[in-house]
Amino acid sequence: MKKIILLLTAIVTVLMAPSSAMAYDLEVDGIYYYVTPDGRAYVTYKDANFNSYSGDVVIPAHFTHENKTYTVLGISEFAFDRCENLTSVSIPSTVTVIENGVFYHCPKLTRVLIPSSVTTVGNYAFAYCTSLQSSSIPNSVTVLGFSAFEGCTSLTNVTLSNSLEVIEEMTFSGCSNLKKVTIPASVKTIEYQAFEHCTSLENVTMSNGVTAIENSAFSHCENLKQVTLPNTVTAIGTETFAYCPNLKNVTLSSSLEVIGQGSFRESGIESITIPNSVTDIDQLAFFSCPNLKEVTIGDGVKEIGEYAFYMCNEMTTLTLGNHLETIHHNAFKGCSKLASLNIPNSVTTIENDAFGYCHGLRSVVIGNGLETISEHLFHECDNLTSLVIGNHVKAINSYAFYSCSSLSTVNIPNSVETIGACAFAQCYGLTKMSIGSGVKSIDYGTFSADWQLKSLTCHAVTPPAFGVNDNWSNFSTNVYEQATLYVPEESISAYGKADTWKSFLTIKAIPNHIPGDVNGDNDVTIADVNVVINAILSNTYDDALDVNDDKDVNIADVNAIINIILQ
């Protein structure tokens, strides 16, 4: 908005004066001034064609005209605008203000010394001075306008005033040769796109004092390698460090509360620890960071936004905080090297596809806070072998575990009431399935193409009703022939008459409980050991896992199962 207002002001200024009109009151020694009756003078341009000066210009502190002495106090708007052959300007110590657009688009300007008398440098003051190589902003300057050095493509070095509180929007945007920046302690805010497209910038030093880094402040800084945020920073805006492919090391502020939308998207970051002060990781925050391997999320985080870590395909380790409540859709989708996942009991909502296509995922423990396993949640996690579902889950929605082709054993707890369409379809390796007593309905295609299923236990006294869809079978034909269906003894007749269930050739009563068979597959194997270990790691208590009846789930229960196996 500021940029638009300035451009409109410039257009109006030009339109109000015909090209032949004079924009000055006096001309002395080739410099044009407008003056006030009390003897104040301001450098200005000759006329609305601009391009009023060339070569090396020395502005005097004072000048005399017709026996009257004037003091030069400022350089007015657009005074040197588009001076194509201007090479240097010397500014006297009487000047306090360099107004908007003063040196705008002076392509040969190489040197301007700003005296310590100056307090304000206006918007666009040096924008697109493409030959300017360095600039020192004296400590007297309290205001450095937006886009002040935008597009200064030769600028390699800049020293900022220690009186600045704000680095305004686009101040150094497009300074493609700027290599390092030190942000003084006086600065509290770095605004929108302040250093965007500084493609040579390698190092940014920030002092304690900065509290907010706004949208796209350092985006597209392709050579930025390391960032340490001072502990005063509380907010990172949208795409603040996005598209920085060489940014590998980031240390976040211990006071940080919000990580904005897309703040590190498509950066080169290799690991990240989210401090406990952060409450929200916004959508797309670490989207498609191709080198991100380790993520630790602090205990203060309550929400992880949609696509927050989408396609971080080198991620191997993820630690979720113990106060996390919501994981939004597609948050970790496509993290193809993530090996294990422990969802804490604090999590109450995980939206669709949050972990879909995590091809390397082998172990999942779902805590006791979650009531719904959303659609496509673990879609095509085709190396998943160990699954523990929390005992507060009530619904497993459509396609939740679709094409998890390495799953061999699944134990659905008694809390589950509904299983959605195709929830376990194309789990080609599934051989044993136990369905809890609370299940009332199973939608169409839930076990379609699960060809190796040999043991199916359903604890529900009333046979759950299956959905029907002409395009999906509920079980493969061979499963009806090869698998044994185990049901409550008093319900054998009911299952033998119920649609779908009656197609099983072998229906038997569920055997009396086998000690150590914690996953309900009527056998005691290493799979039962893994179930208990995962429960211990996730701090999940379930009476069924208390093998030794000591009212706790611990290593003693693991040992008890191992002893049963060895007998």
Protein backbone atom coordinates (compact mmCIF):
# COMPACT_ATOMS: atom_id res chain seq x y z
CA MET A 1 0.00 0.00 0.00
CA LYS A 2 2.81 2.41 0.89
CA LYS A 3 4.45 1.67 -2.44
CA ILE A 4 1.24 2.37 -4.37
CA ILE A 5 0.71 5.69 -2.57
CA LEU A 6 4.25 6.83 -3.40
CA LEU A 7 3.89 5.91 -7.06
CA LEU A 8 0.57 7.76 -7.27
CA THR A 9 2.16 10.81 -5.63
CA ALA A 10 4.95 10.78 -8.21
CA ILE A 11 2.49 10.49 -11.07
CA VAL A 12 0.36 13.35 -9.75
CA THR A 13 3.47 15.52 -9.29
CA VAL A 14 4.46 15.03 -12.91
CA LEU A 15 0.94 15.50 -14.29
CA MET A 16 0.41 18.76 -12.42
CA ALA A 17 3.32 20.48 -14.20
CA PRO A 18 3.87 20.70 -17.98
CA SER A 19 7.29 19.58 -19.17
CA SER A 20 8.48 23.15 -19.69
CA ALA A 21 7.50 24.37 -16.21
CA MET A 22 10.26 25.30 -13.77
CA ALA A 23 10.32 23.29 -10.52
CA TYR A 24 12.82 25.58 -8.77
CA ASP A 25 13.12 29.13 -7.44
CA LEU A 26 16.85 29.66 -7.82
CA GLU A 27 19.75 28.17 -9.75
CA VAL A 28 23.24 28.72 -8.36
CA ASP A 29 26.37 27.04 -9.77
CA GLY A 30 24.29 24.43 -11.59
CA ILE A 31 22.21 23.40 -8.57
CA TYR A 32 18.50 24.10 -8.43
CA TYR A 33 16.74 25.16 -5.24
CA TYR A 34 13.38 26.11 -3.98
CA VAL A 35 13.62 28.56 -1.10
CA THR A 36 11.55 30.00 1.74
CA PRO A 37 11.35 33.67 2.73
CA ASP A 38 13.28 33.02 5.93
CA GLY A 39 16.36 31.81 4.03
CA ARG A 40 15.91 28.05 4.01
CA ALA A 41 16.82 26.23 0.80
CA TYR A 42 16.11 22.75 -0.54
CA VAL A 43 17.77 21.12 -3.52
CA THR A 44 15.27 20.23 -6.22
CA TYR A 45 15.09 19.35 -9.92
CA LYS A 46 15.07 21.69 -12.91
CA ASP A 47 11.76 20.65 -14.43
CA ALA A 48 9.38 17.74 -14.76
CA ASN A 49 11.68 16.01 -17.24
CA PHE A 50 13.99 15.29 -14.27
CA ASN A 51 17.55 14.16 -15.28
CA SER A 52 18.69 17.55 -14.01
CA TYR A 53 22.26 16.69 -12.93
CA SER A 54 25.32 14.74 -14.14
CA GLY A 55 28.86 13.90 -13.05
CA ASP A 56 30.04 14.74 -9.53
CA VAL A 57 27.78 17.10 -7.62
CA VAL A 58 28.84 18.96 -4.48
CA ILE A 59 25.96 20.53 -2.56
CA PRO A 60 27.08 23.52 -0.49
CA ALA A 61 25.97 24.06 3.09
CA HIS A 62 25.24 27.72 2.29
CA PHE A 63 25.05 29.89 -0.83
CA THR A 64 24.46 33.53 -1.60
CA HIS A 65 22.08 34.86 -4.19
CA GLU A 66 21.48 38.53 -4.77
CA ASN A 67 23.18 39.42 -1.51
CA LYS A 68 21.04 37.03 0.49
CA THR A 69 22.53 33.93 2.16
CA TYR A 70 20.63 30.67 2.25
CA THR A 71 21.22 27.51 4.28
CA VAL A 72 20.63 24.17 2.55
CA LEU A 73 18.50 22.08 4.92
CA GLY A 74 17.25 19.29 2.73
CA ILE A 75 17.00 17.50 -0.58
CA SER A 76 13.44 17.52 -1.85
CA GLU A 77 11.48 14.69 -3.47
CA PHE A 78 12.85 13.40 -6.79
CA ALA A 79 15.60 16.05 -6.88
CA PHE A 80 18.06 13.70 -8.63
CA ASP A 81 15.42 11.36 -10.05
CA ARG A 82 16.61 9.52 -13.18
CA CYS A 83 19.86 11.45 -13.53
CA GLU A 84 21.37 8.97 -15.93
CA ASN A 85 24.96 10.30 -15.80
CA LEU A 86 25.16 11.29 -12.12
CA THR A 87 28.21 9.60 -10.54
CA SER A 88 28.56 11.04 -7.01
CA VAL A 89 26.95 13.51 -4.62
CA SER A 90 28.45 15.25 -1.62
CA ILE A 91 25.83 16.25 0.96
CA PRO A 92 26.59 19.02 3.51
CA SER A 93 26.13 18.61 7.25
CA THR A 94 23.32 21.17 7.24
CA VAL A 95 20.97 18.70 5.55
CA THR A 96 18.60 16.85 7.89
CA VAL A 97 16.21 15.22 5.42
CA ILE A 98 16.68 13.22 2.23
CA GLU A 99 13.14 12.99 0.96
CA ASN A 100 11.30 10.38 -1.13
CA GLY A 101 12.81 9.26 -4.41
CA VAL A 102 15.73 11.70 -4.24
CA PHE A 103 18.21 9.46 -6.09
CA TYR A 104 15.68 7.15 -7.69
CA HIS A 105 17.06 5.29 -10.70
CA CYS A 106 20.48 6.93 -11.02
CA PRO A 107 22.21 4.01 -12.78
CA LYS A 108 25.80 5.43 -12.64
CA LEU A 109 25.74 6.76 -9.10
CA THR A 110 28.58 5.06 -7.19
CA ARG A 111 29.04 7.16 -4.07
CA VAL A 112 26.89 9.19 -1.70
CA LEU A 113 28.13 10.16 1.74
CA ILE A 114 25.23 10.71 4.12
CA PRO A 115 26.28 13.16 6.87
CA SER A 116 25.46 12.60 10.54
CA SER A 117 23.06 15.54 10.47
CA VAL A 118 20.51 13.52 8.48
CA THR A 119 17.64 12.06 10.50
CA THR A 120 15.35 10.84 7.73
CA VAL A 121 15.99 9.00 4.48
CA GLY A 122 12.79 8.80 2.49
CA ASN A 123 11.04 6.09 0.54
CA TYR A 124 12.79 4.96 -2.66
CA ALA A 125 15.62 7.39 -1.83
CA PHE A 126 18.31 5.27 -3.56
CA ALA A 127 16.14 2.70 -5.32
CA TYR A 128 17.60 1.22 -8.51
CA CYS A 129 20.95 2.96 -8.18
CA THR A 130 22.47 -0.07 -9.81
CA SER A 131 26.13 1.07 -9.52
CA LEU A 132 26.02 1.99 -5.83
CA GLN A 133 28.39 -0.42 -4.04
CA SER A 134 28.27 0.58 -0.39
CA SER A 135 26.33 2.75 2.00
CA SER A 136 26.74 3.80 5.59
CA ILE A 137 23.61 5.02 7.32
CA PRO A 138 24.75 7.29 10.19
CA ASN A 139 23.41 6.76 13.69
CA SER A 140 21.50 10.02 13.44
CA VAL A 141 19.02 8.41 11.03
CA THR A 142 15.86 7.29 12.81
CA VAL A 143 13.74 6.69 9.71
CA LEU A 144 14.87 4.73 6.66
CA GLY A 145 11.96 4.67 4.23
CA PHE A 146 10.53 1.67 2.45
CA SER A 147 12.30 0.52 -0.72
CA ALA A 148 15.10 2.96 0.15
CA PHE A 149 17.73 0.76 -1.53
CA GLU A 150 15.49 -1.55 -3.53
CA GLY A 151 17.13 -2.92 -6.67
CA CYS A 152 20.63 -1.65 -5.86
CA THR A 153 22.15 -4.68 -7.55
CA SER A 154 25.82 -3.68 -6.97
CA LEU A 155 25.42 -2.97 -3.26
CA THR A 156 27.78 -5.31 -1.35
CA ASN A 157 28.08 -3.61 2.00
CA VAL A 158 25.72 -1.59 4.17
CA THR A 159 26.04 -0.26 7.71
CA LEU A 160 22.75 0.49 9.43
CA SER A 161 22.02 3.22 11.93
CA ASN A 162 21.77 2.08 15.55
CA SER A 163 18.84 4.47 15.99
CA LEU A 164 16.55 2.62 13.61
CA GLU A 165 13.57 0.83 15.14
CA VAL A 166 12.09 -0.46 11.89
CA ILE A 167 13.60 -1.77 8.68
CA GLU A 168 10.72 -0.93 6.44
CA GLU A 169 9.23 -3.03 3.69
CA MET A 170 11.40 -3.80 0.66
CA THR A 171 14.23 -1.58 1.98
CA PHE A 172 16.92 -3.80 0.47
CA SER A 173 14.78 -6.00 -1.78
CA GLY A 174 16.64 -7.16 -4.87
CA CYS A 175 20.10 -6.12 -3.64
CA SER A 176 21.50 -9.19 -5.32
CA ASN A 177 25.17 -8.64 -4.35
CA LEU A 178 24.66 -7.83 -0.67
CA LYS A 179 26.55 -10.54 1.25
CA LYS A 180 26.12 -9.79 4.93
CA VAL A 181 23.92 -7.69 7.18
CA THR A 182 24.10 -6.82 10.85
CA ILE A 183 20.80 -5.76 12.35
CA PRO A 184 21.44 -3.27 15.20
CA ALA A 185 19.95 -3.76 18.65
CA SER A 186 17.63 -0.77 18.20
CA VAL A 187 15.60 -2.54 15.50
CA LYS A 188 12.34 -4.08 16.70
CA THR A 189 10.67 -5.00 13.41
CA ILE A 190 11.93 -6.19 10.04
CA GLU A 191 9.08 -5.56 7.65
CA TYR A 192 7.63 -7.18 4.54
CA GLN A 193 10.19 -8.23 1.89
CA ALA A 194 12.91 -6.13 3.52
CA PHE A 195 15.71 -8.36 2.17
CA GLU A 196 13.79 -10.44 -0.37
CA HIS A 197 15.79 -11.61 -3.40
CA CYS A 198 19.13 -10.69 -1.82
CA THR A 199 20.50 -13.71 -3.64
CA SER A 200 24.13 -13.33 -2.45
CA LEU A 201 23.27 -12.79 1.21
CA GLU A 202 25.09 -15.43 3.27
CA ASN A 203 24.99 -14.15 6.82
CA VAL A 204 22.49 -12.19 8.89
CA THR A 205 23.38 -11.13 12.42
CA MET A 206 20.48 -10.02 14.60
CA SER A 207 20.80 -8.47 18.01
CA ASN A 208 18.41 -8.84 20.92
CA GLY A 209 15.68 -6.31 20.34
CA VAL A 210 14.04 -7.66 17.20
CA THR A 211 10.56 -8.91 18.10
CA ALA A 212 8.93 -9.50 14.71
CA ILE A 213 10.20 -10.58 11.30
CA GLU A 214 7.41 -10.01 8.84
CA ASN A 215 6.25 -11.65 5.63
CA SER A 216 8.89 -12.63 3.06
CA ALA A 217 11.54 -10.57 4.85
CA PHE A 218 14.34 -12.92 3.71
CA SER A 219 12.59 -15.03 1.09
CA HIS A 220 14.53 -16.05 -2.02
CA CYS A 221 17.89 -15.39 -0.32
CA GLU A 222 19.40 -18.27 -2.21
CA ASN A 223 22.82 -18.25 -0.52
CA LEU A 224 21.71 -17.64 3.05
CA LYS A 225 23.31 -20.44 5.09
CA GLN A 226 22.59 -19.85 8.76
CA VAL A 227 20.14 -17.90 10.90
CA THR A 228 20.04 -17.50 14.67
CA LEU A 229 16.99 -15.65 15.89
CA PRO A 230 17.52 -13.62 19.07
CA ASN A 231 15.39 -14.58 22.03
CA THR A 232 13.36 -11.40 21.70
CA VAL A 233 11.68 -12.60 18.47
CA THR A 234 8.08 -13.64 19.12
CA ALA A 235 6.70 -13.98 15.59
CA ILE A 236 7.89 -15.11 12.15
CA GLY A 237 5.61 -14.02 9.33
CA THR A 238 4.44 -15.65 6.11
CA GLU A 239 7.27 -17.03 3.91
CA THR A 240 9.87 -15.15 5.97
CA PHE A 241 12.71 -17.51 5.06
CA ALA A 242 11.01 -19.34 2.18
CA TYR A 243 12.89 -20.45 -0.92
CA CYS A 244 16.32 -20.28 0.73
CA PRO A 245 17.76 -23.57 -0.61
CA ASN A 246 21.12 -23.22 1.19
CA LEU A 247 19.68 -22.30 4.58
CA LYS A 248 20.72 -25.37 6.56
CA ASN A 249 21.01 -24.22 10.17
CA VAL A 250 18.28 -22.34 11.99
CA THR A 251 18.10 -21.65 15.72
CA LEU A 252 14.70 -20.40 16.81
CA SER A 253 14.05 -17.88 19.56
CA SER A 254 13.06 -19.24 22.97
CA SER A 255 10.33 -16.57 23.02
CA LEU A 256 8.89 -17.48 19.62
CA GLU A 257 5.12 -18.00 19.68
CA VAL A 258 4.02 -18.23 16.05
CA ILE A 259 5.71 -19.77 13.00
CA GLY A 260 3.88 -18.21 10.08
CA GLN A 261 2.47 -19.69 6.91
CA GLY A 262 5.20 -21.04 4.63
CA SER A 263 7.87 -19.42 6.80
CA PHE A 264 10.60 -21.94 5.87
CA ARG A 265 9.00 -23.60 2.85
CA GLU A 266 11.38 -25.09 0.29
CA SER A 267 14.43 -24.10 2.33
CA GLY A 268 17.54 -26.25 2.84
CA ILE A 269 17.03 -26.65 6.58
CA GLU A 270 18.37 -29.99 7.90
CA SER A 271 16.90 -30.18 11.41
CA ILE A 272 14.59 -28.08 13.52
CA THR A 273 13.68 -27.93 17.18
CA ILE A 274 10.48 -26.03 17.85
CA PRO A 275 10.78 -24.36 21.29
CA ASN A 276 8.14 -24.82 23.97
CA SER A 277 7.08 -21.19 23.59
CA VAL A 278 5.57 -21.85 20.15
CA THR A 279 1.82 -22.52 20.19
CA ASP A 280 1.08 -22.73 16.48
CA ILE A 281 2.92 -24.01 13.41
CA ASP A 282 1.02 -22.48 10.52
CA GLN A 283 0.18 -24.14 7.22
CA LEU A 284 3.02 -24.82 4.77
CA ALA A 285 5.58 -23.73 7.39
CA PHE A 286 8.18 -26.34 6.35
CA PHE A 287 6.55 -27.42 3.10
CA SER A 288 8.84 -29.47 0.86
CA CYS A 289 12.11 -28.92 2.73
CA PRO A 290 14.10 -31.59 0.86
CA ASN A 291 16.95 -31.88 3.41
CA LEU A 292 14.94 -31.83 6.64
CA LYS A 293 15.79 -35.01 8.58
CA GLU A 294 14.95 -34.42 12.25
CA VAL A 295 11.98 -32.56 13.72
CA THR A 296 11.34 -32.04 17.41
CA ILE A 297 8.14 -30.22 18.30
CA GLY A 298 7.99 -28.57 21.71
CA ASP A 299 5.35 -29.17 24.35
CA GLY A 300 3.75 -25.77 23.82
CA VAL A 301 2.57 -26.48 20.28
CA LYS A 302 -1.17 -27.14 20.08
CA GLU A 303 -1.69 -27.05 16.31
CA ILE A 304 0.23 -28.12 13.24
CA GLY A 305 -1.24 -26.55 10.12
CA GLU A 306 -2.15 -28.18 6.83
CA TYR A 307 0.80 -29.11 4.61
CA ALA A 308 3.16 -27.90 7.37
CA PHE A 309 5.76 -30.62 6.67
CA TYR A 310 4.36 -31.90 3.37
CA MET A 311 6.87 -33.76 1.18
CA CYS A 312 9.80 -33.44 3.59
CA ASN A 313 10.95 -36.65 2.01
CA GLU A 314 14.23 -36.98 3.95
CA MET A 315 12.58 -36.77 7.37
CA THR A 316 13.46 -39.84 9.42
CA THR A 317 12.69 -38.69 12.96
CA LEU A 318 9.62 -36.88 14.30
CA THR A 319 8.99 -36.15 17.97
CA LEU A 320 5.59 -34.65 18.77
CA GLY A 321 5.02 -32.52 21.88
CA ASN A 322 2.88 -33.73 24.76
CA HIS A 323 0.37 -30.87 24.50
CA LEU A 324 -0.32 -31.15 20.79
CA GLU A 325 -4.05 -31.23 20.08
CA THR A 326 -4.60 -30.92 16.33
CA ILE A 327 -2.74 -32.07 13.21
CA HIS A 328 -4.35 -30.62 10.11
CA HIS A 329 -4.76 -32.31 6.76
CA ASN A 330 -1.71 -33.30 4.71
CA ALA A 331 0.59 -32.04 7.47
CA PHE A 332 3.16 -34.83 7.02
CA LYS A 333 1.98 -36.35 3.76
CA GLY A 334 4.77 -37.71 1.58
CA CYS A 335 7.42 -37.81 4.34
CA SER A 336 8.60 -40.99 2.72
CA LYS A 337 11.53 -41.79 5.06
CA LEU A 338 9.75 -41.27 8.37
CA ALA A 339 10.23 -44.59 10.18
CA SER A 340 8.07 -44.40 13.31
CA LEU A 341 5.27 -42.31 14.72
CA ASN A 342 4.11 -41.95 18.31
CA ILE A 343 0.96 -39.85 18.61
CA PRO A 344 0.62 -38.53 22.17
CA ASN A 345 -2.55 -38.85 24.22
CA SER A 346 -3.11 -35.08 23.99
CA VAL A 347 -3.96 -35.28 20.28
CA THR A 348 -7.72 -35.20 19.73
CA THR A 349 -7.90 -34.39 16.01
CA ILE A 350 -5.90 -35.56 13.02
CA GLU A 351 -7.36 -34.50 9.70
CA ASN A 352 -7.46 -36.33 6.36
CA ASP A 353 -4.28 -37.57 4.72
CA ALA A 354 -2.02 -36.18 7.43
CA PHE A 355 0.42 -39.11 7.06
CA GLY A 356 -0.53 -40.46 3.65
CA TYR A 357 2.25 -41.83 1.42
CA CYS A 358 4.76 -42.05 4.27
CA HIS A 359 6.27 -45.07 2.54
CA GLY A 360 9.02 -45.65 5.12
CA LEU A 361 6.69 -45.67 8.12
CA ARG A 362 7.01 -49.00 9.96
CA SER A 363 5.53 -48.37 13.38
CA VAL A 364 2.53 -46.29 14.46
CA VAL A 365 1.17 -45.85 17.98
CA ILE A 366 -2.07 -43.88 18.20
CA GLY A 367 -2.65 -42.40 21.65
CA ASN A 368 -5.82 -42.50 23.71
CA GLY A 369 -6.96 -38.95 22.96
CA LEU A 370 -7.98 -39.57 19.36
CA GLU A 371 -11.58 -40.58 18.66
CA THR A 372 -11.57 -40.56 14.85
CA ILE A 373 -8.99 -41.93 12.45
CA SER A 374 -9.66 -39.70 9.46
CA GLU A 375 -9.99 -40.56 5.80
CA HIS A 376 -6.76 -41.53 4.03
CA LEU A 377 -4.83 -40.88 7.25
CA PHE A 378 -2.20 -43.57 6.56
CA HIS A 379 -3.05 -44.15 2.89
CA GLU A 380 -0.31 -46.17 1.13
CA CYS A 381 2.06 -46.38 4.10
CA ASP A 382 3.15 -49.57 2.43
CA ASN A 383 5.94 -50.52 4.87
CA LEU A 384 3.82 -50.22 8.00
CA THR A 385 4.15 -53.43 10.02
CA SER A 386 3.24 -52.44 13.58
CA LEU A 387 0.03 -50.63 14.47
CA VAL A 388 -1.41 -49.80 17.89
CA ILE A 389 -4.79 -48.09 17.88
CA GLY A 390 -5.71 -46.16 21.04
CA ASN A 391 -8.62 -47.41 23.09
CA HIS A 392 -10.68 -44.21 22.72
CA VAL A 393 -10.98 -44.39 18.94
CA LYS A 394 -14.64 -44.63 17.90
CA ALA A 395 -14.42 -44.37 14.12
CA ILE A 396 -11.95 -45.55 11.50
CA ASN A 397 -12.91 -43.61 8.38
CA SER A 398 -12.74 -44.46 4.68
CA TYR A 399 -9.38 -45.45 3.19
CA ALA A 400 -7.65 -44.80 6.53
CA PHE A 401 -5.16 -47.67 6.04
CA TYR A 402 -5.72 -48.27 2.34
CA SER A 403 -2.85 -50.13 0.67
CA CYS A 404 -0.79 -50.56 3.86
CA SER A 405 0.46 -53.68 2.19
CA SER A 406 2.96 -54.77 4.88
CA LEU A 407 0.48 -54.89 7.75
CA SER A 408 0.11 -58.50 8.85
CA THR A 409 -1.83 -58.15 12.11
CA VAL A 410 -4.39 -55.54 13.16
CA ASN A 411 -6.20 -55.30 16.48
CA ILE A 412 -9.20 -52.94 16.49
CA PRO A 413 -10.09 -51.97 20.07
CA ASN A 414 -13.55 -52.36 21.63
CA SER A 415 -14.10 -48.58 21.54
CA VAL A 416 -14.44 -48.54 17.74
CA GLU A 417 -18.05 -48.37 16.50
CA THR A 418 -17.72 -47.78 12.75
CA ILE A 419 -15.18 -48.77 10.09
CA GLY A 420 -15.35 -46.77 6.87
CA ALA A 421 -15.27 -47.84 3.23
CA CYS A 422 -12.06 -49.49 2.05
CA ALA A 423 -10.40 -48.67 5.39
CA PHE A 424 -8.09 -51.70 5.13
CA ALA A 425 -8.48 -52.49 1.43
CA GLN A 426 -5.44 -53.72 -0.49
CA CYS A 427 -3.54 -54.59 2.69
CA TYR A 428 -2.07 -57.49 0.78
CA GLY A 429 0.03 -58.79 3.71
CA LEU A 430 -2.79 -58.87 6.25
CA THR A 431 -3.17 -62.37 7.73
CA LYS A 432 -4.87 -61.74 11.10
CA MET A 433 -7.54 -59.25 12.06
CA SER A 434 -9.31 -58.76 15.38
CA ILE A 435 -12.41 -56.54 15.47
CA GLY A 436 -13.53 -55.21 18.85
CA SER A 437 -16.89 -55.79 20.49
CA GLY A 438 -18.15 -52.24 19.90
CA VAL A 439 -18.19 -52.32 16.10
CA LYS A 440 -21.71 -51.85 14.69
CA SER A 441 -21.09 -51.17 11.01
CA ILE A 442 -18.41 -51.88 8.43
CA ASP A 443 -18.72 -50.03 5.13
CA TYR A 444 -18.10 -51.51 1.69
CA GLY A 445 -14.71 -52.76 0.50
CA THR A 446 -13.10 -52.57 3.93
CA PHE A 447 -11.11 -55.79 3.44
CA SER A 448 -11.13 -55.91 -0.35
CA ALA A 449 -8.06 -57.55 -1.92
CA ASP A 450 -6.72 -58.68 1.48
CA TRP A 451 -5.98 -62.03 -0.12
CA GLN A 452 -3.81 -63.49 2.66
CA LEU A 453 -6.30 -63.05 5.49
CA LYS A 454 -6.50 -66.36 7.33
CA SER A 455 -7.82 -65.49 10.78
CA LEU A 456 -10.61 -63.01 11.45
CA THR A 457 -11.95 -62.48 14.96
CA CYS A 458 -15.04 -60.37 15.55
CA HIS A 459 -15.95 -59.81 19.22
CA ALA A 460 -19.28 -58.07 18.49
CA VAL A 461 -22.24 -60.11 19.75
CA THR A 462 -24.46 -58.67 17.03
CA PRO A 463 -22.91 -59.12 13.58
CA PRO A 464 -21.84 -55.69 12.27
CA ALA A 465 -23.68 -54.67 9.09
CA PHE A 466 -21.60 -54.39 5.92
CA GLY A 467 -22.08 -51.67 3.32
CA VAL A 468 -22.61 -52.65 -0.31
CA ASN A 469 -21.03 -51.22 -3.44
CA ASP A 470 -21.10 -52.98 -6.80
CA ASN A 471 -17.51 -51.94 -7.51
CA TRP A 472 -16.02 -53.29 -4.29
CA SER A 473 -16.11 -56.71 -2.67
CA ASN A 474 -16.05 -56.86 1.10
CA PHE A 475 -13.65 -59.80 1.08
CA SER A 476 -11.86 -61.62 -1.70
CA THR A 477 -13.54 -64.92 -2.64
CA ASN A 478 -10.56 -66.97 -1.50
CA VAL A 479 -10.75 -65.44 1.99
CA TYR A 480 -14.23 -66.89 2.53
CA GLU A 481 -12.70 -70.28 1.78
CA GLN A 482 -9.33 -70.12 3.56
CA ALA A 483 -9.96 -67.93 6.62
CA THR A 484 -11.47 -68.95 9.93
CA LEU A 485 -14.01 -66.52 11.33
CA TYR A 486 -13.99 -66.47 15.16
CA VAL A 487 -17.08 -64.96 16.86
CA PRO A 488 -18.70 -65.11 20.33
CA GLU A 489 -20.00 -68.63 20.90
CA GLU A 490 -23.56 -67.43 21.40
CA SER A 491 -23.46 -65.55 18.08
CA ILE A 492 -22.31 -68.33 15.74
CA SER A 493 -25.83 -68.84 14.41
CA ALA A 494 -26.39 -65.09 13.87
CA TYR A 495 -23.16 -64.74 11.91
CA GLY A 496 -24.08 -67.78 9.84
CA LYS A 497 -27.21 -65.98 8.67
CA ALA A 498 -25.94 -62.39 8.32
CA ASP A 499 -25.06 -60.95 4.92
CA THR A 500 -21.36 -61.18 4.04
CA TRP A 501 -20.50 -63.05 7.25
CA LYS A 502 -22.48 -66.10 6.17
CA SER A 503 -20.13 -66.51 3.20
CA PHE A 504 -17.32 -67.77 5.45
CA LEU A 505 -17.09 -71.52 5.20
CA THR A 506 -15.58 -71.86 8.68
CA ILE A 507 -17.12 -70.05 11.64
CA LYS A 508 -15.94 -70.96 15.13
CA ALA A 509 -16.32 -69.73 18.68
CA ILE A 510 -13.64 -67.41 19.96
CA PRO A 511 -11.27 -69.56 22.05
CA ASN A 512 -10.88 -68.82 25.72
CA HIS A 513 -8.39 -66.05 26.28
CA ILE A 514 -4.82 -67.14 25.65
CA PRO A 515 -2.41 -65.62 28.18
CA GLY A 516 -0.06 -63.23 26.40
CA ASP A 517 -2.32 -62.82 23.36
CA VAL A 518 -2.69 -59.05 23.79
CA ASN A 519 -3.51 -58.36 20.14
CA GLY A 520 -6.38 -60.85 20.06
CA ASP A 521 -5.16 -62.91 17.12
CA ASN A 522 -5.42 -66.19 19.05
CA ASP A 523 -1.69 -66.66 19.08
CA VAL A 524 1.27 -65.46 21.17
CA THR A 525 4.08 -64.14 19.01
CA ILE A 526 6.60 -61.30 18.77
CA ALA A 527 3.69 -59.17 17.50
CA ASP A 528 2.27 -59.20 21.03
CA VAL A 529 5.64 -58.12 22.42
CA ASN A 530 5.68 -55.16 20.01
CA VAL A 531 2.17 -54.12 21.03
CA VAL A 532 3.20 -53.86 24.70
CA ILE A 533 6.49 -52.08 23.91
CA ASN A 534 4.67 -49.49 21.80
CA ALA A 535 2.13 -48.97 24.58
CA ILE A 536 4.92 -48.39 27.10
CA LEU A 537 6.64 -45.88 24.79
CA SER A 538 3.40 -43.97 24.26
CA ASN A 539 2.37 -44.14 27.92
CA THR A 540 -0.85 -45.89 26.87
CA TYR A 541 -2.55 -48.01 29.55
CA ASP A 542 -4.95 -50.77 28.57
CA ASP A 543 -6.07 -53.56 30.90
CA ALA A 544 -5.64 -56.07 28.08
CA LEU A 545 -1.90 -55.34 28.03
CA ASP A 546 -1.40 -55.95 31.74
CA VAL A 547 -0.26 -59.54 31.25
CA ASN A 548 0.99 -60.07 34.81
CA ASP A 549 -2.01 -58.37 36.48
CA ASP A 550 0.05 -55.85 38.48
CA LYS A 551 -2.23 -52.95 37.43
CA ASP A 552 0.50 -51.45 35.25
CA VAL A 553 1.91 -51.88 31.75
CA ASN A 554 5.68 -52.11 31.90
CA ILE A 555 8.72 -54.18 30.98
CA ALA A 556 7.54 -56.97 33.28
CA ASP A 557 4.62 -57.57 30.86
CA VAL A 558 7.07 -57.77 27.94
CA ASN A 559 9.10 -60.37 29.82
CA ALA A 560 5.94 -62.31 30.66
CA ILE A 561 5.00 -62.61 26.98
CA ILE A 562 8.53 -63.63 26.00
CA ASN A 563 8.45 -66.37 28.64
CA ILE A 564 5.13 -67.66 27.22
CA ILE A 565 6.63 -67.74 23.71
CA LEU A 566 9.69 -69.64 24.96
CA GLN A 567 7.66 -72.27 26.83
